[in-house]
Amino acid sequence: MFKLNNETFDAKHRVAWGITGCGDKLRETLEMMKDVKEVYAGGLDIEVFLSKAGEQVAKYYRIMGELEEHFSRVWVESDANSPFLAGRLQLGDFEFLLIAPATSNTVSKTAYGITDTMLTNAAIQAMKAMVPVYMMPTDYREGTTVTKLPDGRDLKLKVRREDAENVRKLVAMDGIFPFERPEEILGIFTKYIGHKEAS
C-alpha cells in the first residue's frame, strides 16, 4: 500500500501509461490497453499520464471519457515535475513506464536527454532508476504511413530520415525499449506480469 495526496492505493501490478500529442495509432493503442486491463482484471492498475499536447489530442479524438472510465487515474501535465511521475518511478511505484504513442518530439528529446516535459523527464529518470521504459514512436521507420483522423478519413504522412534516426538512438540506449505496433503491448505486460487467459 502507498499513499498519494491522502489516497490509499492497493498493492498490485502497477504501470504508468504516458500519452503524447500524437493521434497516429492512438485509438488502436487505447483498444489494446483496454484489452490488457481485461486480461489482468483486478490484478493490474494502470494510471494514465497525458502530456499537455496529449490532453489536446485525447479531446480531439474524443477518448477522454474512455480513459477516465477504464483506467484508475488520469493525470494531465502541469510542468516537467507535476504530476510527479518521475519521482514515483524512482520510488518504485510502477513496474515500467509505457509511452504510446510517442511523438517525434518526445522521441528526439529522450534520445538527447532533454527533460523539459513530464514524459521526457519521467523517461530519463526512470532509466536512471533502472525502471524499464517502453516507447512506441509513431515515426518508427523512414517512409510513408497512413493514419486515421477523428472523422475516419485517412491521412498520409512522411516519416523523415531524421526522426527514424532518433528511434535508432533510442534502440542503442540502456533501459529503453522502442517498439513499433500496438499489437506488441500485450507481450510487454506478459513479460512482467505473466500470462493470463482473458476471462
C-alpha atoms as a PDB file:
ATOM      1  CA  MET A   1       0.000   0.000   0.000  1.00  0.00           C
ATOM      2  CA  PHE A   2       1.111   3.577  -0.557  1.00  0.00           C
ATOM      3  CA  LYS A   3      -0.473   6.949  -0.089  1.00  0.00           C
ATOM      4  CA  LEU A   4      -0.573   9.846  -2.527  1.00  0.00           C
ATOM      5  CA  ASN A   5      -2.484  13.042  -1.760  1.00  0.00           C
ATOM      6  CA  ASN A   6      -4.178  11.214   1.151  1.00  0.00           C
ATOM      7  CA  GLU A   7      -5.450   8.455  -1.176  1.00  0.00           C
ATOM      8  CA  THR A   8      -4.533   4.840  -0.419  1.00  0.00           C
ATOM      9  CA  PHE A   9      -3.683   2.515  -3.295  1.00  0.00           C
ATOM     10  CA  ASP A  10      -3.787  -1.292  -3.130  1.00  0.00           C
ATOM     11  CA  ALA A  11      -0.668  -3.365  -3.708  1.00  0.00           C
ATOM     12  CA  LYS A  12      -0.960  -4.900  -7.196  1.00  0.00           C
ATOM     13  CA  HIS A  13       0.841  -4.709 -10.505  1.00  0.00           C
ATOM     14  CA  ARG A  14       1.013  -1.022 -11.340  1.00  0.00           C
ATOM     15  CA  VAL A  15       2.052   0.524 -14.660  1.00  0.00           C
ATOM     16  CA  ALA A  16       2.291   4.144 -15.847  1.00  0.00           C
ATOM     17  CA  TRP A  17       0.967   4.804 -19.357  1.00  0.00           C
ATOM     18  CA  GLY A  18       2.089   8.066 -20.950  1.00  0.00           C
ATOM     19  CA  ILE A  19       0.215   9.562 -23.904  1.00  0.00           C
ATOM     20  CA  THR A  20       1.830  12.293 -26.003  1.00  0.00           C
ATOM     21  CA  GLY A  21       0.286  14.646 -28.543  1.00  0.00           C
ATOM     22  CA  CYS A  22       0.014  12.134 -31.348  1.00  0.00           C
ATOM     23  CA  GLY A  23      -3.179  10.856 -32.943  1.00  0.00           C
ATOM     24  CA  ASP A  24      -1.477   8.189 -35.048  1.00  0.00           C
ATOM     25  CA  LYS A  25      -2.291   4.732 -33.589  1.00  0.00           C
ATOM     26  CA  LEU A  26      -3.964   6.405 -30.592  1.00  0.00           C
ATOM     27  CA  ARG A  27      -7.305   4.619 -30.990  1.00  0.00           C
ATOM     28  CA  GLU A  28      -5.563   1.266 -31.621  1.00  0.00           C
ATOM     29  CA  THR A  29      -3.377   1.772 -28.546  1.00  0.00           C
ATOM     30  CA  LEU A  30      -6.380   2.607 -26.380  1.00  0.00           C
ATOM     31  CA  GLU A  31      -8.214  -0.521 -27.527  1.00  0.00           C
ATOM     32  CA  MET A  32      -5.148  -2.656 -26.801  1.00  0.00           C
ATOM     33  CA  MET A  33      -4.768  -1.133 -23.333  1.00  0.00           C
ATOM     34  CA  LYS A  34      -8.435  -1.844 -22.590  1.00  0.00           C
ATOM     35  CA  ASP A  35      -7.843  -5.461 -23.667  1.00  0.00           C
ATOM     36  CA  VAL A  36      -4.787  -5.696 -21.406  1.00  0.00           C
ATOM     37  CA  LYS A  37      -6.824  -4.353 -18.480  1.00  0.00           C
ATOM     38  CA  GLU A  38      -9.461  -7.027 -19.133  1.00  0.00           C
ATOM     39  CA  VAL A  39      -6.890  -9.832 -19.374  1.00  0.00           C
ATOM     40  CA  TYR A  40      -5.443  -8.906 -15.977  1.00  0.00           C
ATOM     41  CA  ALA A  41      -8.784  -7.959 -14.430  1.00  0.00           C
ATOM     42  CA  GLY A  42      -8.344  -6.978 -10.804  1.00  0.00           C
ATOM     43  CA  GLY A  43      -4.624  -7.603 -10.732  1.00  0.00           C
ATOM     44  CA  LEU A  44      -3.421  -4.627 -12.727  1.00  0.00           C
ATOM     45  CA  ASP A  45      -3.627  -0.905 -12.059  1.00  0.00           C
ATOM     46  CA  ILE A  46      -2.852   1.414 -14.974  1.00  0.00           C
ATOM     47  CA  GLU A  47      -2.522   5.139 -14.353  1.00  0.00           C
ATOM     48  CA  VAL A  48      -2.630   7.397 -17.416  1.00  0.00           C
ATOM     49  CA  PHE A  49      -0.332  10.418 -17.739  1.00  0.00           C
ATOM     50  CA  LEU A  50      -1.187  12.873 -20.504  1.00  0.00           C
ATOM     51  CA  SER A  51       1.245  15.480 -21.714  1.00  0.00           C
ATOM     52  CA  LYS A  52      -0.281  18.902 -22.355  1.00  0.00           C
ATOM     53  CA  ALA A  53      -0.423  18.087 -26.064  1.00  0.00           C
ATOM     54  CA  GLY A  54      -1.652  14.594 -25.207  1.00  0.00           C
ATOM     55  CA  GLU A  55      -4.667  16.070 -23.450  1.00  0.00           C
ATOM     56  CA  GLN A  56      -5.450  18.209 -26.509  1.00  0.00           C
ATOM     57  CA  VAL A  57      -5.233  15.215 -28.837  1.00  0.00           C
ATOM     58  CA  ALA A  58      -7.254  12.977 -26.486  1.00  0.00           C
ATOM     59  CA  LYS A  59     -10.044  15.562 -26.518  1.00  0.00           C
ATOM     60  CA  TYR A  60      -9.776  15.961 -30.300  1.00  0.00           C
ATOM     61  CA  TYR A  61     -10.098  12.188 -30.766  1.00  0.00           C
ATOM     62  CA  ARG A  62     -12.870  12.099 -28.131  1.00  0.00           C
ATOM     63  CA  ILE A  63     -11.260   9.462 -25.913  1.00  0.00           C
ATOM     64  CA  MET A  64     -11.023  11.336 -22.593  1.00  0.00           C
ATOM     65  CA  GLY A  65     -14.225   9.730 -21.336  1.00  0.00           C
ATOM     66  CA  GLU A  66     -12.931   6.251 -22.154  1.00  0.00           C
ATOM     67  CA  LEU A  67      -9.641   6.908 -20.398  1.00  0.00           C
ATOM     68  CA  GLU A  68     -11.456   8.057 -17.273  1.00  0.00           C
ATOM     69  CA  GLU A  69     -13.878   5.118 -17.424  1.00  0.00           C
ATOM     70  CA  HIS A  70     -11.368   2.310 -17.938  1.00  0.00           C
ATOM     71  CA  PHE A  71      -8.259   3.388 -16.008  1.00  0.00           C
ATOM     72  CA  SER A  72      -7.759   4.131 -12.319  1.00  0.00           C
ATOM     73  CA  ARG A  73      -6.375   7.670 -12.622  1.00  0.00           C
ATOM     74  CA  VAL A  74      -5.898  10.141 -15.476  1.00  0.00           C
ATOM     75  CA  TRP A  75      -3.304  12.828 -14.839  1.00  0.00           C
ATOM     76  CA  VAL A  76      -2.545  15.859 -17.029  1.00  0.00           C
ATOM     77  CA  GLU A  77       0.862  17.528 -17.172  1.00  0.00           C
ATOM     78  CA  SER A  78       1.285  20.888 -15.462  1.00  0.00           C
ATOM     79  CA  ASP A  79       5.054  21.037 -15.908  1.00  0.00           C
ATOM     80  CA  ALA A  80       8.061  18.694 -16.124  1.00  0.00           C
ATOM     81  CA  ASN A  81       7.670  17.661 -12.466  1.00  0.00           C
ATOM     82  CA  SER A  82       3.924  17.855 -11.992  1.00  0.00           C
ATOM     83  CA  PRO A  83       2.341  15.435 -11.569  1.00  0.00           C
ATOM     84  CA  PHE A  84       5.450  13.890 -10.003  1.00  0.00           C
ATOM     85  CA  LEU A  85       5.658  10.853 -12.287  1.00  0.00           C
ATOM     86  CA  ALA A  86       9.468  10.903 -12.366  1.00  0.00           C
ATOM     87  CA  GLY A  87       9.661  10.677  -8.580  1.00  0.00           C
ATOM     88  CA  ARG A  88       7.093   7.898  -8.365  1.00  0.00           C
ATOM     89  CA  LEU A  89       9.009   5.884 -10.953  1.00  0.00           C
ATOM     90  CA  GLN A  90      12.214   6.299  -8.982  1.00  0.00           C
ATOM     91  CA  LEU A  91      10.423   5.225  -5.789  1.00  0.00           C
ATOM     92  CA  GLY A  92       9.293   2.022  -7.479  1.00  0.00           C
ATOM     93  CA  ASP A  93       5.565   2.752  -7.626  1.00  0.00           C
ATOM     94  CA  PHE A  94       5.401   1.407 -11.192  1.00  0.00           C
ATOM     95  CA  GLU A  95       6.875  -1.734 -12.745  1.00  0.00           C
ATOM     96  CA  PHE A  96       7.531   0.047 -16.010  1.00  0.00           C
ATOM     97  CA  LEU A  97       6.708   3.174 -17.978  1.00  0.00           C
ATOM     98  CA  LEU A  98       4.880   2.791 -21.285  1.00  0.00           C
ATOM     99  CA  ILE A  99       4.771   5.801 -23.617  1.00  0.00           C
ATOM    100  CA  ALA A 100       2.460   5.072 -26.517  1.00  0.00           C
ATOM    101  CA  PRO A 101       2.038   6.592 -28.946  1.00  0.00           C
ATOM    102  CA  ALA A 102       5.139   8.795 -28.803  1.00  0.00           C
ATOM    103  CA  THR A 103       5.579  11.877 -30.974  1.00  0.00           C
ATOM    104  CA  SER A 104       8.812  12.625 -32.797  1.00  0.00           C
ATOM    105  CA  ASN A 105       9.245  15.494 -30.310  1.00  0.00           C
ATOM    106  CA  THR A 106       9.165  13.115 -27.322  1.00  0.00           C
ATOM    107  CA  VAL A 107      11.447  10.636 -29.095  1.00  0.00           C
ATOM    108  CA  SER A 108      14.043  13.233 -30.066  1.00  0.00           C
ATOM    109  CA  LYS A 109      14.088  14.854 -26.616  1.00  0.00           C
ATOM    110  CA  THR A 110      14.513  11.466 -24.943  1.00  0.00           C
ATOM    111  CA  ALA A 111      17.244  10.489 -27.393  1.00  0.00           C
ATOM    112  CA  TYR A 112      19.196  13.639 -26.499  1.00  0.00           C
ATOM    113  CA  GLY A 113      18.423  13.645 -22.764  1.00  0.00           C
ATOM    114  CA  ILE A 114      16.184  16.732 -22.775  1.00  0.00           C
ATOM    115  CA  THR A 115      13.879  16.582 -19.741  1.00  0.00           C
ATOM    116  CA  ASP A 116      11.660  19.645 -20.108  1.00  0.00           C
ATOM    117  CA  THR A 117       8.323  17.796 -20.265  1.00  0.00           C
ATOM    118  CA  MET A 118       6.654  15.446 -17.811  1.00  0.00           C
ATOM    119  CA  LEU A 119       7.085  12.386 -20.046  1.00  0.00           C
ATOM    120  CA  THR A 120      10.652  13.020 -21.224  1.00  0.00           C
ATOM    121  CA  ASN A 121      11.674  13.782 -17.638  1.00  0.00           C
ATOM    122  CA  ALA A 122       9.934  10.606 -16.474  1.00  0.00           C
ATOM    123  CA  ALA A 123      11.619   8.501 -19.164  1.00  0.00           C
ATOM    124  CA  ILE A 124      15.127   9.740 -18.357  1.00  0.00           C
ATOM    125  CA  GLN A 125      14.648   9.490 -14.594  1.00  0.00           C
ATOM    126  CA  ALA A 126      13.149   6.005 -14.924  1.00  0.00           C
ATOM    127  CA  MET A 127      16.197   4.830 -16.866  1.00  0.00           C
ATOM    128  CA  LYS A 128      18.456   6.265 -14.148  1.00  0.00           C
ATOM    129  CA  ALA A 129      16.487   4.275 -11.567  1.00  0.00           C
ATOM    130  CA  MET A 130      16.639   1.134 -13.744  1.00  0.00           C
ATOM    131  CA  VAL A 131      12.883   1.120 -14.331  1.00  0.00           C
ATOM    132  CA  PRO A 132      12.203  -0.129 -17.878  1.00  0.00           C
ATOM    133  CA  VAL A 133      10.784   2.341 -20.383  1.00  0.00           C
ATOM    134  CA  TYR A 134       8.801   1.112 -23.382  1.00  0.00           C
ATOM    135  CA  MET A 135       8.125   3.641 -26.103  1.00  0.00           C
ATOM    136  CA  MET A 136       6.118   3.344 -29.308  1.00  0.00           C
ATOM    137  CA  PRO A 137       7.377   6.035 -31.714  1.00  0.00           C
ATOM    138  CA  THR A 138       4.909   6.802 -34.468  1.00  0.00           C
ATOM    139  CA  ASP A 139       7.823   7.712 -36.769  1.00  0.00           C
ATOM    140  CA  TYR A 140       9.477   4.331 -36.307  1.00  0.00           C
ATOM    141  CA  ARG A 141      10.951   3.843 -39.770  1.00  0.00           C
ATOM    142  CA  GLU A 142      11.588   6.124 -42.735  1.00  0.00           C
ATOM    143  CA  GLY A 143       8.965   6.148 -45.473  1.00  0.00           C
ATOM    144  CA  THR A 144       5.267   6.905 -45.553  1.00  0.00           C
ATOM    145  CA  THR A 145       2.499   5.950 -43.172  1.00  0.00           C
ATOM    146  CA  VAL A 146      -1.266   6.326 -43.170  1.00  0.00           C
ATOM    147  CA  THR A 147      -3.116   7.379 -40.040  1.00  0.00           C
ATOM    148  CA  LYS A 148      -6.793   7.830 -39.250  1.00  0.00           C
ATOM    149  CA  LEU A 149      -8.273  11.231 -38.457  1.00  0.00           C
ATOM    150  CA  PRO A 150     -11.019  11.508 -35.815  1.00  0.00           C
ATOM    151  CA  ASP A 151     -13.669  11.563 -38.578  1.00  0.00           C
ATOM    152  CA  GLY A 152     -12.337   8.296 -40.024  1.00  0.00           C
ATOM    153  CA  ARG A 153     -10.568   9.777 -43.043  1.00  0.00           C
ATOM    154  CA  ASP A 154      -7.056   8.619 -43.931  1.00  0.00           C
ATOM    155  CA  LEU A 155      -4.097  10.980 -43.671  1.00  0.00           C
ATOM    156  CA  LYS A 156      -0.859  10.081 -45.433  1.00  0.00           C
ATOM    157  CA  LEU A 157       2.315  11.257 -43.685  1.00  0.00           C
ATOM    158  CA  LYS A 158       6.015  11.136 -44.440  1.00  0.00           C
ATOM    159  CA  VAL A 159       8.358   9.766 -41.779  1.00  0.00           C
ATOM    160  CA  ARG A 160      11.582  11.765 -42.087  1.00  0.00           C
ATOM    161  CA  ARG A 161      15.006  10.146 -42.027  1.00  0.00           C
ATOM    162  CA  GLU A 162      15.964  12.318 -39.046  1.00  0.00           C
ATOM    163  CA  ASP A 163      13.033  11.055 -36.983  1.00  0.00           C
ATOM    164  CA  ALA A 164      13.783   7.418 -37.808  1.00  0.00           C
ATOM    165  CA  GLU A 165      17.422   8.019 -36.821  1.00  0.00           C
ATOM    166  CA  ASN A 166      16.277   9.266 -33.401  1.00  0.00           C
ATOM    167  CA  VAL A 167      14.401   5.989 -32.922  1.00  0.00           C
ATOM    168  CA  ARG A 168      17.641   4.137 -33.667  1.00  0.00           C
ATOM    169  CA  LYS A 169      19.342   6.258 -30.986  1.00  0.00           C
ATOM    170  CA  LEU A 170      16.726   5.026 -28.521  1.00  0.00           C
ATOM    171  CA  VAL A 171      17.361   1.420 -29.545  1.00  0.00           C
ATOM    172  CA  ALA A 172      21.016   1.858 -28.591  1.00  0.00           C
ATOM    173  CA  MET A 173      20.218   3.346 -25.157  1.00  0.00           C
ATOM    174  CA  ASP A 174      20.276   1.251 -21.994  1.00  0.00           C
ATOM    175  CA  GLY A 175      16.897   0.805 -20.315  1.00  0.00           C
ATOM    176  CA  ILE A 176      14.573   1.967 -23.086  1.00  0.00           C
ATOM    177  CA  PHE A 177      12.838  -0.393 -25.469  1.00  0.00           C
ATOM    178  CA  PRO A 178      11.220   1.095 -28.579  1.00  0.00           C
ATOM    179  CA  PHE A 179       8.545  -0.936 -30.339  1.00  0.00           C
ATOM    180  CA  GLU A 180       6.536  -0.366 -33.479  1.00  0.00           C
ATOM    181  CA  ARG A 181       2.937  -1.585 -33.169  1.00  0.00           C
ATOM    182  CA  PRO A 182       0.138  -1.543 -30.564  1.00  0.00           C
ATOM    183  CA  GLU A 183      -0.176  -5.321 -31.023  1.00  0.00           C
ATOM    184  CA  GLU A 184       3.144  -5.701 -29.181  1.00  0.00           C
ATOM    185  CA  ILE A 185       1.805  -4.168 -25.963  1.00  0.00           C
ATOM    186  CA  LEU A 186       0.254  -7.328 -24.517  1.00  0.00           C
ATOM    187  CA  GLY A 187       3.612  -9.101 -24.845  1.00  0.00           C
ATOM    188  CA  ILE A 188       5.247  -6.359 -22.763  1.00  0.00           C
ATOM    189  CA  PHE A 189       2.746  -6.876 -19.961  1.00  0.00           C
ATOM    190  CA  THR A 190       3.119 -10.651 -20.212  1.00  0.00           C
ATOM    191  CA  LYS A 191       6.883 -10.280 -19.748  1.00  0.00           C
ATOM    192  CA  TYR A 192       6.442  -8.509 -16.399  1.00  0.00           C
ATOM    193  CA  ILE A 193       3.186  -9.853 -15.063  1.00  0.00           C
ATOM    194  CA  GLY A 194       2.928 -13.298 -16.611  1.00  0.00           C
ATOM    195  CA  HIS A 195       0.432 -14.930 -18.927  1.00  0.00           C
ATOM    196  CA  LYS A 196      -3.284 -14.946 -18.184  1.00  0.00           C
ATOM    197  CA  GLU A 197      -6.201 -16.014 -20.307  1.00  0.00           C
ATOM    198  CA  ALA A 198      -8.869 -13.442 -20.896  1.00  0.00           C
ATOM    199  CA  SER A 199     -11.853 -14.073 -18.624  1.00  0.00           C
END
